[in-house]
Amino acid sequence: MKIAITKTLMALTMIAVLQFADSDNSANAADSNTPPAGSVQMTSSEIESIQIGNSWIYKNNDGGVYFDPDGTAKTEWKGKQNPGTWYIENDEVCVDVKDWGGEWCYEFHVLDGVIYTWSSTGGTWYEVRIENGDQF
């Protein structure tokens, strides 16, 4: 079962990476608490299978996060790097970065191979792509 889920998520990730540059998909209104219509929320195990040891990059390339397997996070936002920690719980990725004002937790949703994240702290949906390894 885990192998089938992993293969499916790897395929979705590859589709997301390939569609990323051409994607005109956008989440609902920037301050919306509603996920993109038709999207499916990823589970903790699905998130874990694509996140650990990889980076997420925001569509606008303003930054992202590298999720080291040891639980540390390397973040970058608009050229500024900040260290932090991360964990996955209750179908969310939580990142704790002092310079971000503390902990932010993100849901992950998938729609047509595109991955979206949303934080209840920030209240904004972002389109992201997952890239192998440390991109920062």
N, C-alpha and C. Protein backbone atom coordinates (compact mmCIF):
# COMPACT_ATOMS: atom_id res chain seq x y z
N MET A 1 0.83 -1.19 0.00
CA MET A 1 0.00 0.00 0.00
C MET A 1 0.87 1.26 0.00
N LYS A 2 1.90 1.29 0.88
CA LYS A 2 2.77 2.46 0.96
C LYS A 2 3.50 2.70 -0.35
N ILE A 3 3.92 1.62 -1.01
CA ILE A 3 4.61 1.75 -2.29
C ILE A 3 3.68 2.37 -3.32
N ALA A 4 2.43 1.95 -3.36
CA ALA A 4 1.46 2.50 -4.32
C ALA A 4 1.22 3.98 -4.06
N ILE A 5 1.07 4.35 -2.79
CA ILE A 5 0.88 5.77 -2.45
C ILE A 5 2.10 6.58 -2.83
N THR A 6 3.30 6.05 -2.52
CA THR A 6 4.53 6.76 -2.85
C THR A 6 4.66 6.95 -4.36
N LYS A 7 4.39 5.90 -5.14
CA LYS A 7 4.47 6.03 -6.60
C LYS A 7 3.47 7.05 -7.11
N THR A 8 2.27 7.05 -6.57
CA THR A 8 1.24 8.02 -6.98
C THR A 8 1.69 9.43 -6.65
N LEU A 9 2.22 9.64 -5.45
CA LEU A 9 2.66 10.98 -5.05
C LEU A 9 3.86 11.43 -5.88
N MET A 10 4.77 10.51 -6.19
CA MET A 10 5.90 10.87 -7.02
C MET A 10 5.41 11.31 -8.40
N ALA A 11 4.43 10.60 -8.94
CA ALA A 11 3.87 10.98 -10.23
C ALA A 11 3.20 12.34 -10.16
N LEU A 12 2.44 12.57 -9.09
CA LEU A 12 1.79 13.88 -8.92
C LEU A 12 2.83 14.99 -8.79
N THR A 13 3.91 14.72 -8.06
CA THR A 13 4.96 15.71 -7.90
C THR A 13 5.59 16.04 -9.24
N MET A 14 5.87 15.02 -10.04
CA MET A 14 6.45 15.26 -11.36
C MET A 14 5.50 16.06 -12.23
N ILE A 15 4.22 15.76 -12.19
CA ILE A 15 3.24 16.53 -12.95
C ILE A 15 3.23 17.97 -12.47
N ALA A 16 3.27 18.17 -11.14
CA ALA A 16 3.26 19.53 -10.60
C ALA A 16 4.48 20.30 -11.05
N VAL A 17 5.65 19.65 -11.04
CA VAL A 17 6.87 20.33 -11.47
C VAL A 17 6.78 20.68 -12.94
N LEU A 18 6.28 19.75 -13.76
CA LEU A 18 6.17 20.02 -15.19
C LEU A 18 5.15 21.10 -15.49
N GLN A 19 4.05 21.13 -14.75
CA GLN A 19 3.01 22.12 -15.00
C GLN A 19 3.30 23.46 -14.35
N PHE A 20 4.23 23.49 -13.43
CA PHE A 20 4.46 24.66 -12.59
C PHE A 20 4.68 25.94 -13.39
N ALA A 21 5.59 25.89 -14.34
CA ALA A 21 5.94 27.09 -15.08
C ALA A 21 4.78 27.60 -15.94
N ASP A 22 3.95 26.69 -16.44
CA ASP A 22 2.87 27.08 -17.33
C ASP A 22 1.53 27.25 -16.63
N SER A 23 1.50 26.96 -15.35
CA SER A 23 0.22 26.91 -14.65
C SER A 23 -0.39 28.29 -14.47
N ASP A 24 -1.63 28.41 -14.90
CA ASP A 24 -2.39 29.62 -14.63
C ASP A 24 -3.36 29.37 -13.49
N ASN A 25 -3.32 28.15 -12.93
CA ASN A 25 -4.19 27.84 -11.79
C ASN A 25 -3.79 28.75 -10.64
N SER A 26 -4.78 29.24 -9.97
CA SER A 26 -4.48 30.01 -8.77
C SER A 26 -5.48 29.58 -7.72
N ALA A 27 -5.08 29.76 -6.49
CA ALA A 27 -6.00 29.42 -5.41
C ALA A 27 -7.12 30.44 -5.41
N ASN A 28 -8.13 30.19 -4.57
CA ASN A 28 -9.21 31.15 -4.45
C ASN A 28 -8.64 32.48 -3.96
N ALA A 29 -9.45 33.42 -3.69
CA ALA A 29 -9.00 34.75 -3.27
C ALA A 29 -7.89 34.63 -2.23
N ALA A 30 -6.91 35.53 -2.29
CA ALA A 30 -5.71 35.45 -1.48
C ALA A 30 -5.99 35.29 0.01
N ASP A 31 -7.03 35.89 0.53
CA ASP A 31 -7.31 35.80 1.95
C ASP A 31 -8.39 34.77 2.26
N SER A 32 -8.67 33.91 1.31
CA SER A 32 -9.73 32.93 1.47
C SER A 32 -9.29 31.77 2.35
N ASN A 33 -10.20 31.30 3.17
CA ASN A 33 -9.96 30.09 3.95
C ASN A 33 -10.43 28.86 3.21
N THR A 34 -10.92 29.02 1.99
CA THR A 34 -11.47 27.93 1.20
C THR A 34 -10.40 27.38 0.26
N PRO A 35 -10.18 26.06 0.30
CA PRO A 35 -9.17 25.51 -0.63
C PRO A 35 -9.66 25.62 -2.07
N PRO A 36 -8.74 25.50 -3.03
CA PRO A 36 -9.16 25.53 -4.43
C PRO A 36 -10.25 24.49 -4.67
N ALA A 37 -11.30 24.87 -5.36
CA ALA A 37 -12.43 23.98 -5.61
C ALA A 37 -11.96 22.70 -6.27
N GLY A 38 -12.38 21.56 -5.71
CA GLY A 38 -12.03 20.27 -6.26
C GLY A 38 -10.72 19.69 -5.76
N SER A 39 -9.98 20.45 -4.96
CA SER A 39 -8.70 19.94 -4.47
C SER A 39 -8.92 18.91 -3.37
N VAL A 40 -7.91 18.08 -3.14
CA VAL A 40 -7.96 17.03 -2.13
C VAL A 40 -6.83 17.27 -1.13
N GLN A 41 -7.18 17.28 0.17
CA GLN A 41 -6.17 17.48 1.19
C GLN A 41 -5.30 16.24 1.33
N MET A 42 -3.99 16.44 1.39
CA MET A 42 -3.05 15.35 1.57
C MET A 42 -3.01 14.94 3.03
N THR A 43 -2.75 13.66 3.28
CA THR A 43 -2.63 13.14 4.64
C THR A 43 -1.19 13.33 5.14
N SER A 44 -1.01 13.16 6.42
CA SER A 44 0.34 13.26 7.01
C SER A 44 1.31 12.32 6.31
N SER A 45 0.91 11.07 6.07
CA SER A 45 1.82 10.12 5.44
C SER A 45 2.13 10.50 3.99
N GLU A 46 1.15 11.06 3.28
CA GLU A 46 1.40 11.51 1.91
C GLU A 46 2.37 12.70 1.91
N ILE A 47 2.17 13.63 2.82
CA ILE A 47 3.05 14.78 2.93
C ILE A 47 4.46 14.31 3.26
N GLU A 48 4.56 13.42 4.24
CA GLU A 48 5.86 12.90 4.66
C GLU A 48 6.62 12.26 3.51
N SER A 49 5.92 11.53 2.66
CA SER A 49 6.58 10.80 1.58
C SER A 49 7.21 11.72 0.53
N ILE A 50 6.72 12.94 0.40
CA ILE A 50 7.31 13.86 -0.59
C ILE A 50 8.11 14.99 0.05
N GLN A 51 7.94 15.23 1.34
CA GLN A 51 8.52 16.41 1.97
C GLN A 51 9.90 16.18 2.56
N ILE A 52 10.09 15.08 3.29
CA ILE A 52 11.33 14.87 4.04
C ILE A 52 12.53 14.80 3.09
N GLY A 53 13.52 15.65 3.37
CA GLY A 53 14.73 15.70 2.56
C GLY A 53 14.58 16.49 1.28
N ASN A 54 13.45 17.18 1.12
CA ASN A 54 13.19 17.97 -0.09
C ASN A 54 12.82 19.40 0.28
N SER A 55 12.65 20.21 -0.75
CA SER A 55 12.31 21.63 -0.56
C SER A 55 10.98 21.93 -1.22
N TRP A 56 10.24 22.87 -0.64
CA TRP A 56 9.10 23.41 -1.36
C TRP A 56 9.47 24.83 -1.76
N ILE A 57 9.10 25.19 -2.98
CA ILE A 57 9.41 26.49 -3.56
C ILE A 57 8.08 27.15 -3.93
N TYR A 58 7.89 28.39 -3.49
CA TYR A 58 6.66 29.12 -3.84
C TYR A 58 6.66 29.46 -5.32
N LYS A 59 5.47 29.44 -5.93
CA LYS A 59 5.34 29.68 -7.37
C LYS A 59 5.99 30.98 -7.80
N ASN A 60 5.87 32.02 -6.99
CA ASN A 60 6.44 33.31 -7.37
C ASN A 60 7.94 33.39 -7.12
N ASN A 61 8.54 32.26 -6.65
CA ASN A 61 9.97 32.15 -6.38
C ASN A 61 10.48 33.12 -5.32
N ASP A 62 9.59 33.63 -4.46
CA ASP A 62 10.03 34.50 -3.37
C ASP A 62 10.72 33.72 -2.26
N GLY A 63 10.62 32.41 -2.27
CA GLY A 63 11.28 31.63 -1.23
C GLY A 63 10.70 30.25 -1.10
N GLY A 64 11.02 29.63 0.04
CA GLY A 64 10.55 28.29 0.31
C GLY A 64 11.20 27.73 1.55
N VAL A 65 11.10 26.42 1.70
CA VAL A 65 11.61 25.73 2.89
C VAL A 65 12.25 24.41 2.49
N TYR A 66 13.44 24.12 3.07
CA TYR A 66 14.05 22.79 2.95
C TYR A 66 13.78 22.05 4.25
N PHE A 67 13.29 20.81 4.15
CA PHE A 67 12.92 20.00 5.30
C PHE A 67 13.95 18.90 5.52
N ASP A 68 14.95 19.19 6.34
CA ASP A 68 16.00 18.23 6.63
C ASP A 68 15.41 17.05 7.40
N PRO A 69 15.86 15.81 7.09
CA PRO A 69 15.34 14.66 7.81
C PRO A 69 15.54 14.73 9.33
N ASP A 70 16.50 15.54 9.80
CA ASP A 70 16.74 15.64 11.25
C ASP A 70 15.77 16.57 11.97
N GLY A 71 14.80 17.15 11.24
CA GLY A 71 13.80 18.02 11.86
C GLY A 71 14.14 19.49 11.82
N THR A 72 15.29 19.83 11.25
CA THR A 72 15.61 21.26 11.09
C THR A 72 15.09 21.73 9.74
N ALA A 73 14.80 23.01 9.68
CA ALA A 73 14.30 23.62 8.44
C ALA A 73 15.23 24.75 8.04
N LYS A 74 15.45 24.87 6.76
CA LYS A 74 16.19 26.00 6.21
C LYS A 74 15.19 26.78 5.37
N THR A 75 14.90 28.00 5.75
CA THR A 75 13.90 28.78 5.05
C THR A 75 14.54 29.95 4.32
N GLU A 76 13.88 30.38 3.28
CA GLU A 76 14.30 31.59 2.58
C GLU A 76 13.05 32.33 2.15
N TRP A 77 13.02 33.62 2.39
CA TRP A 77 11.92 34.46 1.96
C TRP A 77 12.49 35.78 1.48
N LYS A 78 12.27 36.06 0.18
CA LYS A 78 12.74 37.29 -0.46
C LYS A 78 14.22 37.53 -0.18
N GLY A 79 15.02 36.45 -0.33
CA GLY A 79 16.47 36.54 -0.21
C GLY A 79 17.03 36.40 1.19
N LYS A 80 16.19 36.38 2.21
CA LYS A 80 16.67 36.26 3.59
C LYS A 80 16.49 34.83 4.08
N GLN A 81 17.59 34.22 4.55
CA GLN A 81 17.52 32.86 5.08
C GLN A 81 17.38 32.87 6.59
N ASN A 82 16.57 31.94 7.08
CA ASN A 82 16.33 31.80 8.52
C ASN A 82 16.27 30.33 8.88
N PRO A 83 16.94 29.93 9.97
CA PRO A 83 16.84 28.54 10.42
C PRO A 83 15.58 28.32 11.23
N GLY A 84 15.18 27.07 11.32
CA GLY A 84 14.02 26.73 12.13
C GLY A 84 13.92 25.23 12.32
N THR A 85 12.77 24.79 12.77
CA THR A 85 12.49 23.37 12.92
C THR A 85 11.14 23.08 12.26
N TRP A 86 10.85 21.79 12.05
CA TRP A 86 9.60 21.40 11.43
C TRP A 86 9.16 20.04 11.95
N TYR A 87 7.86 19.77 11.80
CA TYR A 87 7.29 18.46 12.09
C TYR A 87 5.98 18.33 11.32
N ILE A 88 5.51 17.09 11.17
CA ILE A 88 4.24 16.82 10.50
C ILE A 88 3.29 16.22 11.53
N GLU A 89 2.07 16.78 11.61
CA GLU A 89 1.08 16.31 12.57
C GLU A 89 -0.32 16.71 12.09
N ASN A 90 -1.27 15.83 12.26
CA ASN A 90 -2.67 16.11 11.92
C ASN A 90 -2.83 16.64 10.49
N ASP A 91 -2.15 15.99 9.55
CA ASP A 91 -2.24 16.34 8.12
C ASP A 91 -1.75 17.75 7.82
N GLU A 92 -0.81 18.24 8.62
CA GLU A 92 -0.21 19.55 8.39
C GLU A 92 1.30 19.48 8.60
N VAL A 93 2.02 20.35 7.90
CA VAL A 93 3.44 20.56 8.15
C VAL A 93 3.55 21.82 8.99
N CYS A 94 4.21 21.72 10.12
CA CYS A 94 4.40 22.89 10.99
C CYS A 94 5.87 23.29 10.96
N VAL A 95 6.11 24.58 10.76
CA VAL A 95 7.45 25.14 10.68
C VAL A 95 7.55 26.21 11.75
N ASP A 96 8.59 26.11 12.59
CA ASP A 96 8.80 27.08 13.66
C ASP A 96 10.08 27.85 13.36
N VAL A 97 9.92 29.12 13.01
CA VAL A 97 11.04 29.98 12.66
C VAL A 97 10.92 31.26 13.48
N LYS A 98 11.92 31.54 14.28
CA LYS A 98 11.89 32.70 15.18
C LYS A 98 11.59 34.00 14.42
N ASP A 99 12.27 34.20 13.29
CA ASP A 99 12.08 35.44 12.53
C ASP A 99 10.71 35.53 11.85
N TRP A 100 9.96 34.44 11.81
CA TRP A 100 8.60 34.46 11.26
C TRP A 100 7.59 34.70 12.36
N GLY A 101 8.07 34.87 13.58
CA GLY A 101 7.16 35.10 14.70
C GLY A 101 6.69 33.83 15.37
N GLY A 102 7.36 32.71 15.08
CA GLY A 102 6.99 31.45 15.70
C GLY A 102 6.49 30.42 14.71
N GLU A 103 5.61 29.57 15.19
CA GLU A 103 5.15 28.42 14.42
C GLU A 103 4.04 28.75 13.42
N TRP A 104 4.18 28.22 12.21
CA TRP A 104 3.17 28.28 11.16
C TRP A 104 2.89 26.86 10.72
N CYS A 105 1.63 26.46 10.64
CA CYS A 105 1.27 25.12 10.18
C CYS A 105 0.52 25.22 8.85
N TYR A 106 0.82 24.30 7.95
CA TYR A 106 0.30 24.34 6.59
C TYR A 106 -0.43 23.06 6.21
N GLU A 107 -1.60 23.21 5.63
CA GLU A 107 -2.27 22.10 4.95
C GLU A 107 -1.69 22.00 3.55
N PHE A 108 -1.72 20.81 2.98
CA PHE A 108 -1.35 20.61 1.59
C PHE A 108 -2.56 20.05 0.85
N HIS A 109 -2.88 20.64 -0.29
CA HIS A 109 -3.97 20.17 -1.14
C HIS A 109 -3.43 19.96 -2.55
N VAL A 110 -4.01 19.03 -3.27
CA VAL A 110 -3.60 18.74 -4.65
C VAL A 110 -4.81 18.91 -5.56
N LEU A 111 -4.60 19.59 -6.68
CA LEU A 111 -5.63 19.77 -7.70
C LEU A 111 -4.96 19.69 -9.06
N ASP A 112 -5.35 18.72 -9.87
CA ASP A 112 -4.79 18.55 -11.22
C ASP A 112 -3.26 18.53 -11.20
N GLY A 113 -2.68 17.86 -10.20
CA GLY A 113 -1.23 17.73 -10.11
C GLY A 113 -0.52 18.94 -9.55
N VAL A 114 -1.24 19.98 -9.19
CA VAL A 114 -0.65 21.19 -8.61
C VAL A 114 -0.84 21.14 -7.10
N ILE A 115 0.23 21.46 -6.36
CA ILE A 115 0.18 21.42 -4.90
C ILE A 115 -0.01 22.83 -4.37
N TYR A 116 -0.96 22.96 -3.44
CA TYR A 116 -1.25 24.23 -2.78
C TYR A 116 -1.03 24.05 -1.28
N THR A 117 -0.53 25.10 -0.63
CA THR A 117 -0.42 25.09 0.83
C THR A 117 -1.22 26.25 1.38
N TRP A 118 -1.67 26.06 2.62
CA TRP A 118 -2.44 27.11 3.30
C TRP A 118 -2.07 27.08 4.77
N SER A 119 -1.88 28.26 5.33
CA SER A 119 -1.59 28.36 6.75
C SER A 119 -2.71 29.12 7.45
N SER A 120 -3.20 28.53 8.54
CA SER A 120 -4.22 29.23 9.32
C SER A 120 -3.62 30.48 9.95
N THR A 121 -2.31 30.52 10.12
CA THR A 121 -1.64 31.70 10.67
C THR A 121 -1.70 32.85 9.67
N GLY A 122 -1.36 32.55 8.41
CA GLY A 122 -1.31 33.59 7.39
C GLY A 122 -2.60 33.73 6.61
N GLY A 123 -3.39 32.66 6.55
CA GLY A 123 -4.68 32.71 5.89
C GLY A 123 -4.62 32.87 4.38
N THR A 124 -3.51 32.46 3.75
CA THR A 124 -3.35 32.62 2.32
C THR A 124 -2.99 31.29 1.67
N TRP A 125 -3.58 31.00 0.52
CA TRP A 125 -3.23 29.82 -0.27
C TRP A 125 -2.05 30.17 -1.16
N TYR A 126 -1.07 29.25 -1.22
CA TYR A 126 0.09 29.43 -2.09
C TYR A 126 0.26 28.19 -2.96
N GLU A 127 0.63 28.40 -4.20
CA GLU A 127 0.98 27.28 -5.08
C GLU A 127 2.47 27.03 -4.90
N VAL A 128 2.83 25.77 -4.69
CA VAL A 128 4.24 25.42 -4.49
C VAL A 128 4.62 24.25 -5.39
N ARG A 129 5.91 24.10 -5.58
CA ARG A 129 6.43 22.91 -6.23
C ARG A 129 7.42 22.26 -5.26
N ILE A 130 7.53 20.95 -5.33
CA ILE A 130 8.47 20.20 -4.49
C ILE A 130 9.69 19.89 -5.34
N GLU A 131 10.87 20.20 -4.82
CA GLU A 131 12.12 19.90 -5.53
C GLU A 131 12.99 19.02 -4.65
N ASN A 132 13.72 18.13 -5.28
CA ASN A 132 14.59 17.21 -4.55
C ASN A 132 15.71 17.94 -3.83
N GLY A 133 15.96 17.54 -2.60
CA GLY A 133 17.10 18.02 -1.84
C GLY A 133 16.98 19.45 -1.36
N ASP A 134 18.12 19.96 -0.91
CA ASP A 134 18.23 21.30 -0.35
C ASP A 134 18.42 22.30 -1.47
N GLN A 135 17.44 23.14 -1.71
CA GLN A 135 17.51 24.15 -2.78
C GLN A 135 17.96 25.51 -2.25
N PHE A 136 18.37 25.56 -0.98
CA PHE A 136 18.77 26.83 -0.39
C PHE A 136 20.18 26.77 0.15
